[in-house]
N, C-alpha and C. Protein backbone atom coordinates (compact mmCIF):
# COMPACT_ATOMS: atom_id res chain seq x y z
N UNK A 1 72.50 12.02 51.13
CA UNK A 1 71.23 12.19 50.48
C UNK A 1 70.12 12.02 51.51
N UNK A 2 69.04 12.74 51.32
CA UNK A 2 67.92 12.69 52.25
C UNK A 2 66.72 11.98 51.62
N UNK A 3 65.91 11.40 52.46
CA UNK A 3 64.62 10.79 52.10
C UNK A 3 64.78 9.79 50.95
N UNK A 4 64.01 9.97 49.86
CA UNK A 4 64.06 9.02 48.74
C UNK A 4 64.86 9.59 47.56
N UNK A 5 65.73 10.53 47.84
CA UNK A 5 66.54 11.14 46.76
C UNK A 5 67.68 10.22 46.37
N UNK A 6 68.06 10.28 45.09
CA UNK A 6 69.23 9.54 44.62
C UNK A 6 70.12 10.49 43.84
N UNK A 7 71.41 10.23 43.89
CA UNK A 7 72.42 11.01 43.19
C UNK A 7 73.00 10.11 42.10
N UNK A 8 72.95 10.58 40.85
CA UNK A 8 73.41 9.75 39.74
C UNK A 8 74.46 10.48 38.92
N UNK A 9 75.31 9.69 38.28
CA UNK A 9 76.34 10.19 37.39
C UNK A 9 75.94 9.80 35.97
N UNK A 10 75.76 10.78 35.09
CA UNK A 10 75.32 10.51 33.73
C UNK A 10 76.34 9.67 32.98
N UNK A 11 75.85 8.73 32.17
CA UNK A 11 76.73 7.92 31.34
C UNK A 11 77.42 8.81 30.31
N UNK A 12 78.67 8.53 30.03
CA UNK A 12 79.42 9.32 29.06
C UNK A 12 78.86 9.19 27.65
N UNK A 13 78.28 8.04 27.32
CA UNK A 13 77.73 7.83 25.99
C UNK A 13 76.43 8.57 25.77
N UNK A 14 75.94 9.29 26.77
CA UNK A 14 74.68 10.00 26.64
C UNK A 14 74.81 11.25 25.78
N UNK A 15 75.99 11.57 25.33
CA UNK A 15 76.22 12.75 24.52
C UNK A 15 75.82 12.54 23.08
N UNK A 16 76.72 12.81 22.17
CA UNK A 16 76.38 12.68 20.75
C UNK A 16 76.28 11.22 20.33
N UNK A 17 75.47 10.98 19.31
CA UNK A 17 75.23 9.63 18.81
C UNK A 17 75.50 9.60 17.32
N UNK A 18 75.56 8.40 16.76
CA UNK A 18 75.70 8.22 15.31
C UNK A 18 74.47 7.50 14.79
N UNK A 19 73.97 7.98 13.67
CA UNK A 19 72.84 7.30 13.03
C UNK A 19 73.36 6.06 12.32
N UNK A 20 72.46 5.22 11.81
CA UNK A 20 72.87 4.02 11.10
C UNK A 20 73.63 4.35 9.83
N UNK A 21 73.41 5.54 9.29
CA UNK A 21 74.13 5.97 8.09
C UNK A 21 75.45 6.63 8.39
N UNK A 22 75.81 6.78 9.67
CA UNK A 22 77.09 7.36 10.06
C UNK A 22 77.06 8.84 10.35
N UNK A 23 75.89 9.45 10.34
CA UNK A 23 75.76 10.88 10.61
C UNK A 23 75.85 11.10 12.12
N UNK A 24 76.66 12.06 12.54
CA UNK A 24 76.80 12.38 13.97
C UNK A 24 75.65 13.28 14.38
N UNK A 25 74.92 12.86 15.43
CA UNK A 25 73.78 13.63 15.95
C UNK A 25 74.20 14.19 17.31
N UNK A 26 74.33 15.51 17.45
CA UNK A 26 74.76 16.08 18.73
C UNK A 26 73.72 15.89 19.82
N UNK A 27 74.15 15.95 21.06
CA UNK A 27 73.26 15.74 22.21
C UNK A 27 72.20 16.83 22.28
N UNK A 28 72.46 17.99 21.69
CA UNK A 28 71.53 19.10 21.77
C UNK A 28 70.48 19.07 20.66
N UNK A 29 70.54 18.09 19.75
CA UNK A 29 69.59 18.02 18.65
C UNK A 29 68.19 17.73 19.17
N UNK A 30 67.21 18.42 18.61
CA UNK A 30 65.82 18.20 19.01
C UNK A 30 65.31 16.93 18.36
N UNK A 31 64.56 16.16 19.13
CA UNK A 31 64.01 14.91 18.63
C UNK A 31 62.49 15.00 18.73
N UNK A 32 61.80 14.23 17.90
CA UNK A 32 60.34 14.22 17.91
C UNK A 32 59.80 13.69 19.22
N UNK A 33 60.35 12.61 19.69
CA UNK A 33 59.91 12.01 20.95
C UNK A 33 60.93 12.32 22.05
N UNK A 34 60.47 12.25 23.29
CA UNK A 34 61.41 12.47 24.40
C UNK A 34 62.35 11.29 24.48
N UNK A 35 63.61 11.56 24.73
CA UNK A 35 64.61 10.52 24.83
C UNK A 35 65.03 10.39 26.29
N UNK A 36 64.94 9.16 26.82
CA UNK A 36 65.34 8.90 28.20
C UNK A 36 66.84 8.66 28.26
N UNK A 37 67.44 8.88 29.42
CA UNK A 37 68.89 8.74 29.60
C UNK A 37 69.21 7.71 30.67
N UNK A 38 70.37 7.07 30.53
CA UNK A 38 70.88 6.14 31.54
C UNK A 38 71.90 6.85 32.41
N UNK A 39 71.95 6.46 33.68
CA UNK A 39 72.93 7.00 34.62
C UNK A 39 73.24 5.95 35.67
N UNK A 40 74.39 6.09 36.33
CA UNK A 40 74.80 5.16 37.38
C UNK A 40 74.56 5.82 38.74
N UNK A 41 73.95 5.07 39.67
CA UNK A 41 73.63 5.59 41.00
C UNK A 41 74.91 5.71 41.82
N UNK A 42 75.15 6.89 42.38
CA UNK A 42 76.34 7.16 43.18
C UNK A 42 76.00 7.16 44.67
N UNK A 43 74.81 7.63 45.03
CA UNK A 43 74.40 7.68 46.44
C UNK A 43 72.88 7.62 46.51
N UNK A 44 72.37 7.09 47.61
CA UNK A 44 70.92 7.02 47.82
C UNK A 44 70.58 7.50 49.22
N UNK A 45 69.36 7.98 49.35
CA UNK A 45 68.85 8.37 50.66
C UNK A 45 68.38 7.15 51.43
N UNK A 46 68.08 7.30 52.70
CA UNK A 46 67.69 6.15 53.53
C UNK A 46 66.34 5.54 53.16
N UNK A 47 65.49 6.26 52.44
CA UNK A 47 64.17 5.74 52.08
C UNK A 47 64.09 5.26 50.64
N UNK A 48 65.19 5.22 49.92
CA UNK A 48 65.19 4.67 48.56
C UNK A 48 65.11 3.15 48.67
N UNK A 49 64.11 2.54 48.04
CA UNK A 49 63.87 1.11 48.22
C UNK A 49 64.29 0.26 47.03
N UNK A 50 64.13 0.75 45.81
CA UNK A 50 64.34 -0.08 44.62
C UNK A 50 65.73 0.04 44.01
N UNK A 51 66.48 1.06 44.38
CA UNK A 51 67.80 1.26 43.78
C UNK A 51 68.88 1.20 44.86
N UNK A 52 70.06 0.78 44.43
CA UNK A 52 71.23 0.75 45.30
C UNK A 52 72.39 1.39 44.56
N UNK A 53 73.41 1.74 45.30
CA UNK A 53 74.61 2.32 44.69
C UNK A 53 75.20 1.32 43.70
N UNK A 54 75.51 1.80 42.50
CA UNK A 54 76.07 0.95 41.46
C UNK A 54 75.06 0.53 40.40
N UNK A 55 73.76 0.64 40.70
CA UNK A 55 72.74 0.30 39.71
C UNK A 55 72.73 1.35 38.59
N UNK A 56 72.25 0.93 37.42
CA UNK A 56 72.01 1.88 36.33
C UNK A 56 70.53 2.16 36.29
N UNK A 57 70.16 3.43 36.14
CA UNK A 57 68.76 3.82 36.12
C UNK A 57 68.44 4.60 34.85
N UNK A 58 67.21 4.46 34.39
CA UNK A 58 66.70 5.15 33.21
C UNK A 58 65.76 6.24 33.69
N UNK A 59 65.98 7.47 33.23
CA UNK A 59 65.17 8.59 33.69
C UNK A 59 64.99 9.62 32.58
N UNK A 60 64.07 10.52 32.77
CA UNK A 60 63.80 11.60 31.82
C UNK A 60 64.72 12.78 32.14
N UNK A 61 65.62 13.14 31.22
CA UNK A 61 66.56 14.23 31.52
C UNK A 61 65.91 15.61 31.63
N UNK A 62 64.65 15.73 31.21
CA UNK A 62 63.95 17.01 31.35
C UNK A 62 63.63 17.31 32.82
N UNK A 63 63.53 16.28 33.64
CA UNK A 63 63.16 16.43 35.05
C UNK A 63 64.37 16.39 35.98
N UNK A 64 65.52 16.81 35.50
CA UNK A 64 66.72 16.65 36.31
C UNK A 64 67.11 17.95 37.01
N UNK A 65 67.83 17.80 38.11
CA UNK A 65 68.41 18.92 38.84
C UNK A 65 69.89 18.61 38.98
N UNK A 66 70.73 19.39 38.34
CA UNK A 66 72.17 19.13 38.36
C UNK A 66 72.84 19.80 39.55
N UNK A 67 73.88 19.15 40.04
CA UNK A 67 74.67 19.70 41.14
C UNK A 67 76.13 19.39 40.86
N UNK A 68 77.01 20.31 41.23
CA UNK A 68 78.44 20.11 41.02
C UNK A 68 79.11 19.81 42.36
N UNK A 69 79.82 18.67 42.42
CA UNK A 69 80.52 18.27 43.63
C UNK A 69 81.96 17.96 43.24
N UNK A 70 82.92 18.69 43.81
CA UNK A 70 84.34 18.49 43.51
C UNK A 70 84.61 18.50 42.02
N UNK A 71 84.04 19.45 41.29
CA UNK A 71 84.22 19.66 39.86
C UNK A 71 83.60 18.56 39.00
N UNK A 72 82.79 17.69 39.57
CA UNK A 72 82.05 16.68 38.82
C UNK A 72 80.57 17.04 38.87
N UNK A 73 79.87 16.87 37.75
CA UNK A 73 78.45 17.20 37.67
C UNK A 73 77.63 15.93 37.86
N UNK A 74 76.68 15.99 38.79
CA UNK A 74 75.79 14.88 39.09
C UNK A 74 74.35 15.36 38.95
N UNK A 75 73.43 14.42 38.94
CA UNK A 75 72.00 14.73 38.87
C UNK A 75 71.34 14.22 40.14
N UNK A 76 70.51 15.05 40.75
CA UNK A 76 69.75 14.67 41.94
C UNK A 76 68.29 14.51 41.51
N UNK A 77 67.67 13.40 41.92
CA UNK A 77 66.27 13.17 41.58
C UNK A 77 65.60 12.34 42.66
N UNK A 78 64.30 12.28 42.60
CA UNK A 78 63.55 11.42 43.50
C UNK A 78 63.51 10.02 42.91
N UNK A 79 63.40 9.03 43.76
CA UNK A 79 63.36 7.65 43.28
C UNK A 79 62.15 7.40 42.39
N UNK A 80 61.05 8.08 42.63
CA UNK A 80 59.85 7.87 41.82
C UNK A 80 60.00 8.39 40.39
N UNK A 81 61.03 9.19 40.11
CA UNK A 81 61.28 9.69 38.76
C UNK A 81 62.08 8.70 37.91
N UNK A 82 62.47 7.58 38.48
CA UNK A 82 63.22 6.56 37.75
C UNK A 82 62.23 5.68 36.98
N UNK A 83 62.50 5.47 35.69
CA UNK A 83 61.61 4.66 34.85
C UNK A 83 62.01 3.19 34.85
N UNK A 84 63.30 2.89 35.00
CA UNK A 84 63.77 1.50 34.98
C UNK A 84 65.07 1.40 35.76
N UNK A 85 65.35 0.18 36.28
CA UNK A 85 66.58 -0.08 37.02
C UNK A 85 67.25 -1.30 36.40
N UNK A 86 68.53 -1.17 36.07
CA UNK A 86 69.33 -2.31 35.59
C UNK A 86 70.30 -2.66 36.70
N UNK A 87 70.08 -3.81 37.34
CA UNK A 87 70.89 -4.19 38.50
C UNK A 87 71.65 -5.47 38.21
N UNK A 88 72.90 -5.54 38.67
CA UNK A 88 73.72 -6.74 38.51
C UNK A 88 73.72 -7.59 39.77
N UNK A 89 72.96 -7.22 40.78
CA UNK A 89 72.99 -7.92 42.06
C UNK A 89 72.05 -9.12 42.12
N UNK A 90 71.29 -9.38 41.07
CA UNK A 90 70.31 -10.46 41.08
C UNK A 90 70.97 -11.80 40.75
N UNK A 91 70.41 -12.86 41.29
CA UNK A 91 70.95 -14.20 41.08
C UNK A 91 69.93 -15.08 40.37
N UNK A 92 70.37 -16.23 39.92
CA UNK A 92 69.45 -17.22 39.37
C UNK A 92 69.02 -16.97 37.95
N UNK A 93 69.81 -16.25 37.18
CA UNK A 93 69.50 -16.05 35.77
C UNK A 93 68.45 -15.00 35.48
N UNK A 94 68.11 -14.18 36.45
CA UNK A 94 67.14 -13.11 36.22
C UNK A 94 67.76 -12.05 35.34
N UNK A 95 66.94 -11.34 34.60
CA UNK A 95 67.45 -10.34 33.67
C UNK A 95 68.04 -9.14 34.38
N UNK A 96 67.47 -8.76 35.51
CA UNK A 96 67.99 -7.62 36.26
C UNK A 96 67.48 -6.29 35.75
N UNK A 97 66.56 -6.28 34.78
CA UNK A 97 66.01 -5.03 34.26
C UNK A 97 64.55 -4.96 34.65
N UNK A 98 64.18 -3.96 35.43
CA UNK A 98 62.82 -3.81 35.90
C UNK A 98 62.25 -2.50 35.38
N UNK A 99 61.12 -2.57 34.71
CA UNK A 99 60.46 -1.37 34.17
C UNK A 99 59.26 -1.02 35.03
């Protein structure tokens, strides 16, 4: 990866969802508000400062650029397009979620 780019793998649960009443909502269903997606960071460029490999990031799927590597689909984005980072590397009882 170059500069501040990050490569992420979309979470499998990002597909269809179930409503509280048990109705299956497909991933392609239109929603009133934009829905953000979670993904796991697979690779980072040398200038990425806030994310590391293994972190989970929250981003807008409308701003994504997909790439296929060895038959797996990944998303390439700039670090500034990340809305939140969920990291497990923090110590001392910190939440690890930064918005």
